[in-house]
Amino acid sequence: MPWRGYLQNYLTKKLLESETFHKVVRATHKGINNTPGFAEDIKNVANSNKNLQGVQKFGSILFEEFKDALKGKPPSKH
């Protein structure tokens, strides 16, 4: 099914051109950078899978930003 590849490329292009997507990414980046100890948590996860708090925090920040963007709310000020 070659049309799937074209559709995937088209949708990826549209997503990357979307201003909403970039607002969500910027807001998530700010939230991560303003979370104390996040970099250390990621290093711990990279060294052992016992500590998943950093990854969970990233997921929750990203999910909240996408949810807010879909509701039309401005990005949060983490």
PDB file of N, CA and C in Angstrom:
ATOM      1  N   MET A   1       0.823  -1.184   0.000  1.00  0.00           N
ATOM      2  CA  MET A   1       0.000   0.000   0.000  1.00  0.00           C
ATOM      3  C   MET A   1       0.870   1.251   0.000  1.00  0.00           C
ATOM      4  N   PRO A   2       1.256   1.719  -1.158  1.00  0.00           N
ATOM      5  CA  PRO A   2       2.128   2.907  -1.232  1.00  0.00           C
ATOM      6  C   PRO A   2       1.434   4.186  -0.779  1.00  0.00           C
ATOM      7  N   TRP A   3       0.103   4.212  -0.810  1.00  0.00           N
ATOM      8  CA  TRP A   3      -0.605   5.428  -0.399  1.00  0.00           C
ATOM      9  C   TRP A   3      -0.434   5.709   1.085  1.00  0.00           C
ATOM     10  N   ARG A   4      -0.172   4.657   1.877  1.00  0.00           N
ATOM     11  CA  ARG A   4       0.040   4.871   3.322  1.00  0.00           C
ATOM     12  C   ARG A   4       1.277   5.717   3.575  1.00  0.00           C
ATOM     13  N   GLY A   5       2.333   5.472   2.805  1.00  0.00           N
ATOM     14  CA  GLY A   5       3.553   6.262   2.956  1.00  0.00           C
ATOM     15  C   GLY A   5       3.324   7.717   2.596  1.00  0.00           C
ATOM     16  N   TYR A   6       2.565   7.950   1.513  1.00  0.00           N
ATOM     17  CA  TYR A   6       2.258   9.321   1.115  1.00  0.00           C
ATOM     18  C   TYR A   6       1.398  10.020   2.164  1.00  0.00           C
ATOM     19  N   LEU A   7       0.413   9.293   2.683  1.00  0.00           N
ATOM     20  CA  LEU A   7      -0.452   9.857   3.712  1.00  0.00           C
ATOM     21  C   LEU A   7       0.346  10.182   4.974  1.00  0.00           C
ATOM     22  N   GLN A   8       1.228   9.274   5.370  1.00  0.00           N
ATOM     23  CA  GLN A   8       2.055   9.505   6.553  1.00  0.00           C
ATOM     24  C   GLN A   8       2.944  10.726   6.347  1.00  0.00           C
ATOM     25  N   ASN A   9       3.562  10.848   5.190  1.00  0.00           N
ATOM     26  CA  ASN A   9       4.404  12.007   4.907  1.00  0.00           C
ATOM     27  C   ASN A   9       3.608  13.304   4.918  1.00  0.00           C
ATOM     28  N   TYR A  10       2.408  13.264   4.331  1.00  0.00           N
ATOM     29  CA  TYR A  10       1.559  14.448   4.284  1.00  0.00           C
ATOM     30  C   TYR A  10       1.151  14.878   5.687  1.00  0.00           C
ATOM     31  N   LEU A  11       0.706  13.925   6.500  1.00  0.00           N
ATOM     32  CA  LEU A  11       0.270  14.247   7.858  1.00  0.00           C
ATOM     33  C   LEU A  11       1.426  14.739   8.731  1.00  0.00           C
ATOM     34  N   THR A  12       2.598  14.134   8.560  1.00  0.00           N
ATOM     35  CA  THR A  12       3.778  14.589   9.309  1.00  0.00           C
ATOM     36  C   THR A  12       4.134  16.013   8.921  1.00  0.00           C
ATOM     37  N   LYS A  13       4.089  16.305   7.629  1.00  0.00           N
ATOM     38  CA  LYS A  13       4.390  17.657   7.144  1.00  0.00           C
ATOM     39  C   LYS A  13       3.407  18.666   7.738  1.00  0.00           C
ATOM     40  N   LYS A  14       2.120  18.332   7.721  1.00  0.00           N
ATOM     41  CA  LYS A  14       1.109  19.239   8.263  1.00  0.00           C
ATOM     42  C   LYS A  14       1.299  19.448   9.769  1.00  0.00           C
ATOM     43  N   LEU A  15       1.638  18.388  10.484  1.00  0.00           N
ATOM     44  CA  LEU A  15       1.874  18.504  11.920  1.00  0.00           C
ATOM     45  C   LEU A  15       3.047  19.427  12.198  1.00  0.00           C
ATOM     46  N   LEU A  16       4.134  19.244  11.474  1.00  0.00           N
ATOM     47  CA  LEU A  16       5.322  20.065  11.703  1.00  0.00           C
ATOM     48  C   LEU A  16       5.127  21.510  11.262  1.00  0.00           C
ATOM     49  N   GLU A  17       4.193  21.762  10.366  1.00  0.00           N
ATOM     50  CA  GLU A  17       3.880  23.135   9.943  1.00  0.00           C
ATOM     51  C   GLU A  17       2.907  23.816  10.895  1.00  0.00           C
ATOM     52  N   SER A  18       2.287  23.057  11.777  1.00  0.00           N
ATOM     53  CA  SER A  18       1.251  23.573  12.663  1.00  0.00           C
ATOM     54  C   SER A  18       1.850  24.433  13.776  1.00  0.00           C
ATOM     55  N   GLU A  19       1.308  25.629  13.926  1.00  0.00           N
ATOM     56  CA  GLU A  19       1.761  26.518  15.000  1.00  0.00           C
ATOM     57  C   GLU A  19       1.362  25.959  16.369  1.00  0.00           C
ATOM     58  N   THR A  20       0.215  25.301  16.448  1.00  0.00           N
ATOM     59  CA  THR A  20      -0.237  24.712  17.709  1.00  0.00           C
ATOM     60  C   THR A  20       0.753  23.654  18.192  1.00  0.00           C
ATOM     61  N   PHE A  21       1.235  22.817  17.288  1.00  0.00           N
ATOM     62  CA  PHE A  21       2.212  21.794  17.653  1.00  0.00           C
ATOM     63  C   PHE A  21       3.466  22.443  18.236  1.00  0.00           C
ATOM     64  N   HIS A  22       3.941  23.505  17.609  1.00  0.00           N
ATOM     65  CA  HIS A  22       5.158  24.158  18.094  1.00  0.00           C
ATOM     66  C   HIS A  22       4.925  24.870  19.432  1.00  0.00           C
ATOM     67  N   LYS A  23       3.724  25.407  19.647  1.00  0.00           N
ATOM     68  CA  LYS A  23       3.413  26.009  20.948  1.00  0.00           C
ATOM     69  C   LYS A  23       3.448  24.958  22.053  1.00  0.00           C
ATOM     70  N   VAL A  24       2.892  23.789  21.753  1.00  0.00           N
ATOM     71  CA  VAL A  24       2.882  22.695  22.739  1.00  0.00           C
ATOM     72  C   VAL A  24       4.303  22.251  23.046  1.00  0.00           C
ATOM     73  N   VAL A  25       5.131  22.112  22.020  1.00  0.00           N
ATOM     74  CA  VAL A  25       6.518  21.689  22.227  1.00  0.00           C
ATOM     75  C   VAL A  25       7.274  22.728  23.046  1.00  0.00           C
ATOM     76  N   ARG A  26       7.081  24.017  22.737  1.00  0.00           N
ATOM     77  CA  ARG A  26       7.762  25.072  23.515  1.00  0.00           C
ATOM     78  C   ARG A  26       7.320  25.059  24.969  1.00  0.00           C
ATOM     79  N   ALA A  27       6.018  24.936  25.194  1.00  0.00           N
ATOM     80  CA  ALA A  27       5.503  24.935  26.563  1.00  0.00           C
ATOM     81  C   ALA A  27       6.006  23.715  27.335  1.00  0.00           C
ATOM     82  N   THR A  28       6.058  22.571  26.676  1.00  0.00           N
ATOM     83  CA  THR A  28       6.575  21.362  27.320  1.00  0.00           C
ATOM     84  C   THR A  28       8.045  21.528  27.658  1.00  0.00           C
ATOM     85  N   HIS A  29       8.794  22.109  26.746  1.00  0.00           N
ATOM     86  CA  HIS A  29      10.227  22.346  26.985  1.00  0.00           C
ATOM     87  C   HIS A  29      10.429  23.254  28.186  1.00  0.00           C
ATOM     88  N   LYS A  30       9.625  24.322  28.278  1.00  0.00           N
ATOM     89  CA  LYS A  30       9.734  25.220  29.437  1.00  0.00           C
ATOM     90  C   LYS A  30       9.381  24.487  30.730  1.00  0.00           C
ATOM     91  N   GLY A  31       8.336  23.670  30.676  1.00  0.00           N
ATOM     92  CA  GLY A  31       7.927  22.923  31.864  1.00  0.00           C
ATOM     93  C   GLY A  31       9.004  21.970  32.337  1.00  0.00           C
ATOM     94  N   ILE A  32       9.668  21.329  31.388  1.00  0.00           N
ATOM     95  CA  ILE A  32      10.735  20.392  31.738  1.00  0.00           C
ATOM     96  C   ILE A  32      11.929  21.131  32.317  1.00  0.00           C
ATOM     97  N   ASN A  33      12.307  22.232  31.686  1.00  0.00           N
ATOM     98  CA  ASN A  33      13.463  22.981  32.158  1.00  0.00           C
ATOM     99  C   ASN A  33      13.231  23.604  33.531  1.00  0.00           C
ATOM    100  N   ASN A  34      11.989  23.872  33.871  1.00  0.00           N
ATOM    101  CA  ASN A  34      11.678  24.484  35.163  1.00  0.00           C
ATOM    102  C   ASN A  34      11.349  23.462  36.240  1.00  0.00           C
ATOM    103  N   THR A  35      11.477  22.181  35.941  1.00  0.00           N
ATOM    104  CA  THR A  35      11.228  21.140  36.923  1.00  0.00           C
ATOM    105  C   THR A  35      12.536  20.800  37.623  1.00  0.00           C
ATOM    106  N   PRO A  36      12.647  21.092  38.914  1.00  0.00           N
ATOM    107  CA  PRO A  36      13.899  20.812  39.624  1.00  0.00           C
ATOM    108  C   PRO A  36      14.233  19.324  39.601  1.00  0.00           C
ATOM    109  N   GLY A  37      15.463  19.030  39.292  1.00  0.00           N
ATOM    110  CA  GLY A  37      15.941  17.657  39.332  1.00  0.00           C
ATOM    111  C   GLY A  37      15.560  16.810  38.139  1.00  0.00           C
ATOM    112  N   PHE A  38      14.952  17.399  37.120  1.00  0.00           N
ATOM    113  CA  PHE A  38      14.503  16.592  35.988  1.00  0.00           C
ATOM    114  C   PHE A  38      15.678  15.957  35.249  1.00  0.00           C
ATOM    115  N   ALA A  39      16.745  16.712  35.029  1.00  0.00           N
ATOM    116  CA  ALA A  39      17.900  16.170  34.310  1.00  0.00           C
ATOM    117  C   ALA A  39      18.508  14.989  35.068  1.00  0.00           C
ATOM    118  N   GLU A  40      18.569  15.087  36.384  1.00  0.00           N
ATOM    119  CA  GLU A  40      19.108  13.990  37.178  1.00  0.00           C
ATOM    120  C   GLU A  40      18.206  12.760  37.084  1.00  0.00           C
ATOM    121  N   ASP A  41      16.886  12.988  37.070  1.00  0.00           N
ATOM    122  CA  ASP A  41      15.957  11.865  36.933  1.00  0.00           C
ATOM    123  C   ASP A  41      16.162  11.139  35.612  1.00  0.00           C
ATOM    124  N   ILE A  42      16.362  11.887  34.545  1.00  0.00           N
ATOM    125  CA  ILE A  42      16.576  11.273  33.231  1.00  0.00           C
ATOM    126  C   ILE A  42      17.875  10.469  33.227  1.00  0.00           C
ATOM    127  N   LYS A  43      18.920  11.021  33.847  1.00  0.00           N
ATOM    128  CA  LYS A  43      20.183  10.277  33.928  1.00  0.00           C
ATOM    129  C   LYS A  43      19.999   8.983  34.716  1.00  0.00           C
ATOM    130  N   ASN A  44      19.236   9.050  35.805  1.00  0.00           N
ATOM    131  CA  ASN A  44      18.976   7.846  36.598  1.00  0.00           C
ATOM    132  C   ASN A  44      18.206   6.815  35.793  1.00  0.00           C
ATOM    133  N   VAL A  45      17.240   7.256  35.000  1.00  0.00           N
ATOM    134  CA  VAL A  45      16.471   6.338  34.170  1.00  0.00           C
ATOM    135  C   VAL A  45      17.370   5.715  33.113  1.00  0.00           C
ATOM    136  N   ALA A  46      18.271   6.519  32.562  1.00  0.00           N
ATOM    137  CA  ALA A  46      19.194   5.984  31.557  1.00  0.00           C
ATOM    138  C   ALA A  46      20.108   4.939  32.168  1.00  0.00           C
ATOM    139  N   ASN A  47      20.468   5.109  33.443  1.00  0.00           N
ATOM    140  CA  ASN A  47      21.358   4.160  34.103  1.00  0.00           C
ATOM    141  C   ASN A  47      20.626   2.935  34.649  1.00  0.00           C
ATOM    142  N   SER A  48      19.380   3.108  35.049  1.00  0.00           N
ATOM    143  CA  SER A  48      18.601   1.969  35.524  1.00  0.00           C
ATOM    144  C   SER A  48      17.128   2.264  35.326  1.00  0.00           C
ATOM    145  N   ASN A  49      16.381   1.248  35.073  1.00  0.00           N
ATOM    146  CA  ASN A  49      14.950   1.419  34.839  1.00  0.00           C
ATOM    147  C   ASN A  49      14.151   1.454  36.124  1.00  0.00           C
ATOM    148  N   LYS A  50      14.810   1.503  37.279  1.00  0.00           N
ATOM    149  CA  LYS A  50      14.104   1.516  38.559  1.00  0.00           C
ATOM    150  C   LYS A  50      13.446   2.869  38.833  1.00  0.00           C
ATOM    151  N   ASN A  51      14.053   3.954  38.348  1.00  0.00           N
ATOM    152  CA  ASN A  51      13.545   5.294  38.635  1.00  0.00           C
ATOM    153  C   ASN A  51      12.877   5.866  37.392  1.00  0.00           C
ATOM    154  N   LEU A  52      11.557   5.841  37.355  1.00  0.00           N
ATOM    155  CA  LEU A  52      10.831   6.339  36.194  1.00  0.00           C
ATOM    156  C   LEU A  52      10.109   7.656  36.474  1.00  0.00           C
ATOM    157  N   GLN A  53      10.414   8.306  37.571  1.00  0.00           N
ATOM    158  CA  GLN A  53       9.719   9.546  37.911  1.00  0.00           C
ATOM    159  C   GLN A  53       9.940  10.631  36.876  1.00  0.00           C
ATOM    160  N   GLY A  54      11.148  10.766  36.364  1.00  0.00           N
ATOM    161  CA  GLY A  54      11.449  11.797  35.360  1.00  0.00           C
ATOM    162  C   GLY A  54      10.656  11.581  34.086  1.00  0.00           C
ATOM    163  N   VAL A  55      10.576  10.357  33.639  1.00  0.00           N
ATOM    164  CA  VAL A  55       9.829  10.046  32.428  1.00  0.00           C
ATOM    165  C   VAL A  55       8.342  10.274  32.656  1.00  0.00           C
ATOM    166  N   GLN A  56       7.854   9.897  33.811  1.00  0.00           N
ATOM    167  CA  GLN A  56       6.445  10.110  34.127  1.00  0.00           C
ATOM    168  C   GLN A  56       6.131  11.604  34.196  1.00  0.00           C
ATOM    169  N   LYS A  57       7.030  12.389  34.764  1.00  0.00           N
ATOM    170  CA  LYS A  57       6.830  13.839  34.843  1.00  0.00           C
ATOM    171  C   LYS A  57       6.784  14.438  33.443  1.00  0.00           C
ATOM    172  N   PHE A  58       7.695  14.013  32.570  1.00  0.00           N
ATOM    173  CA  PHE A  58       7.702  14.484  31.187  1.00  0.00           C
ATOM    174  C   PHE A  58       6.376  14.150  30.508  1.00  0.00           C
ATOM    175  N   GLY A  59       5.926  12.926  30.674  1.00  0.00           N
ATOM    176  CA  GLY A  59       4.674  12.500  30.054  1.00  0.00           C
ATOM    177  C   GLY A  59       3.486  13.308  30.544  1.00  0.00           C
ATOM    178  N   SER A  60       3.462  13.581  31.839  1.00  0.00           N
ATOM    179  CA  SER A  60       2.329  14.340  32.375  1.00  0.00           C
ATOM    180  C   SER A  60       2.344  15.784  31.889  1.00  0.00           C
ATOM    181  N   ILE A  61       3.530  16.393  31.802  1.00  0.00           N
ATOM    182  CA  ILE A  61       3.628  17.764  31.290  1.00  0.00           C
ATOM    183  C   ILE A  61       3.196  17.810  29.833  1.00  0.00           C
ATOM    184  N   LEU A  62       3.696  16.880  29.024  1.00  0.00           N
ATOM    185  CA  LEU A  62       3.359  16.849  27.608  1.00  0.00           C
ATOM    186  C   LEU A  62       1.863  16.623  27.412  1.00  0.00           C
ATOM    187  N   PHE A  63       1.286  15.683  28.152  1.00  0.00           N
ATOM    188  CA  PHE A  63      -0.135  15.392  28.034  1.00  0.00           C
ATOM    189  C   PHE A  63      -0.977  16.620  28.397  1.00  0.00           C
ATOM    190  N   GLU A  64      -0.629  17.293  29.477  1.00  0.00           N
ATOM    191  CA  GLU A  64      -1.384  18.479  29.890  1.00  0.00           C
ATOM    192  C   GLU A  64      -1.300  19.581  28.846  1.00  0.00           C
ATOM    193  N   GLU A  65      -0.132  19.781  28.255  1.00  0.00           N
ATOM    194  CA  GLU A  65       0.018  20.821  27.242  1.00  0.00           C
ATOM    195  C   GLU A  65      -0.811  20.501  26.000  1.00  0.00           C
ATOM    196  N   PHE A  66      -0.826  19.245  25.576  1.00  0.00           N
ATOM    197  CA  PHE A  66      -1.647  18.870  24.425  1.00  0.00           C
ATOM    198  C   PHE A  66      -3.125  19.035  24.743  1.00  0.00           C
ATOM    199  N   LYS A  67      -3.530  18.634  25.932  1.00  0.00           N
ATOM    200  CA  LYS A  67      -4.928  18.748  26.336  1.00  0.00           C
ATOM    201  C   LYS A  67      -5.357  20.213  26.351  1.00  0.00           C
ATOM    202  N   ASP A  68      -4.509  21.087  26.908  1.00  0.00           N
ATOM    203  CA  ASP A  68      -4.819  22.517  26.946  1.00  0.00           C
ATOM    204  C   ASP A  68      -4.867  23.108  25.540  1.00  0.00           C
ATOM    205  N   ALA A  69      -3.947  22.675  24.677  1.00  0.00           N
ATOM    206  CA  ALA A  69      -3.926  23.187  23.308  1.00  0.00           C
ATOM    207  C   ALA A  69      -5.198  22.798  22.561  1.00  0.00           C
ATOM    208  N   LEU A  70      -5.681  21.590  22.781  1.00  0.00           N
ATOM    209  CA  LEU A  70      -6.909  21.153  22.119  1.00  0.00           C
ATOM    210  C   LEU A  70      -8.125  21.926  22.624  1.00  0.00           C
ATOM    211  N   LYS A  71      -8.075  22.374  23.868  1.00  0.00           N
ATOM    212  CA  LYS A  71      -9.168  23.168  24.431  1.00  0.00           C
ATOM    213  C   LYS A  71      -9.054  24.636  24.041  1.00  0.00           C
ATOM    214  N   GLY A  72      -7.925  25.011  23.410  1.00  0.00           N
ATOM    215  CA  GLY A  72      -7.731  26.408  23.009  1.00  0.00           C
ATOM    216  C   GLY A  72      -7.158  27.286  24.083  1.00  0.00           C
ATOM    217  N   LYS A  73      -6.671  26.685  25.164  1.00  0.00           N
ATOM    218  CA  LYS A  73      -6.074  27.471  26.248  1.00  0.00           C
ATOM    219  C   LYS A  73      -4.657  27.877  25.855  1.00  0.00           C
ATOM    220  N   PRO A  74      -4.185  29.016  26.366  1.00  0.00           N
ATOM    221  CA  PRO A  74      -2.799  29.417  26.100  1.00  0.00           C
ATOM    222  C   PRO A  74      -1.838  28.487  26.850  1.00  0.00           C
ATOM    223  N   PRO A  75      -0.595  28.375  26.380  1.00  0.00           N
ATOM    224  CA  PRO A  75       0.377  27.521  27.072  1.00  0.00           C
ATOM    225  C   PRO A  75       0.573  27.945  28.515  1.00  0.00           C
ATOM    226  N   SER A  76       0.756  26.980  29.396  1.00  0.00           N
ATOM    227  CA  SER A  76       0.940  27.285  30.813  1.00  0.00           C
ATOM    228  C   SER A  76       2.333  27.846  31.063  1.00  0.00           C
ATOM    229  N   LYS A  77       2.458  28.542  32.162  1.00  0.00           N
ATOM    230  CA  LYS A  77       3.733  29.166  32.545  1.00  0.00           C
ATOM    231  C   LYS A  77       4.386  28.331  33.625  1.00  0.00           C
ATOM    232  N   HIS A  78       4.968  27.207  33.275  1.00  0.00           N
ATOM    233  CA  HIS A  78       5.577  26.302  34.272  1.00  0.00           C
ATOM    234  C   HIS A  78       6.665  26.985  35.006  1.00  0.00           C
TER     235      HIS A  78
END
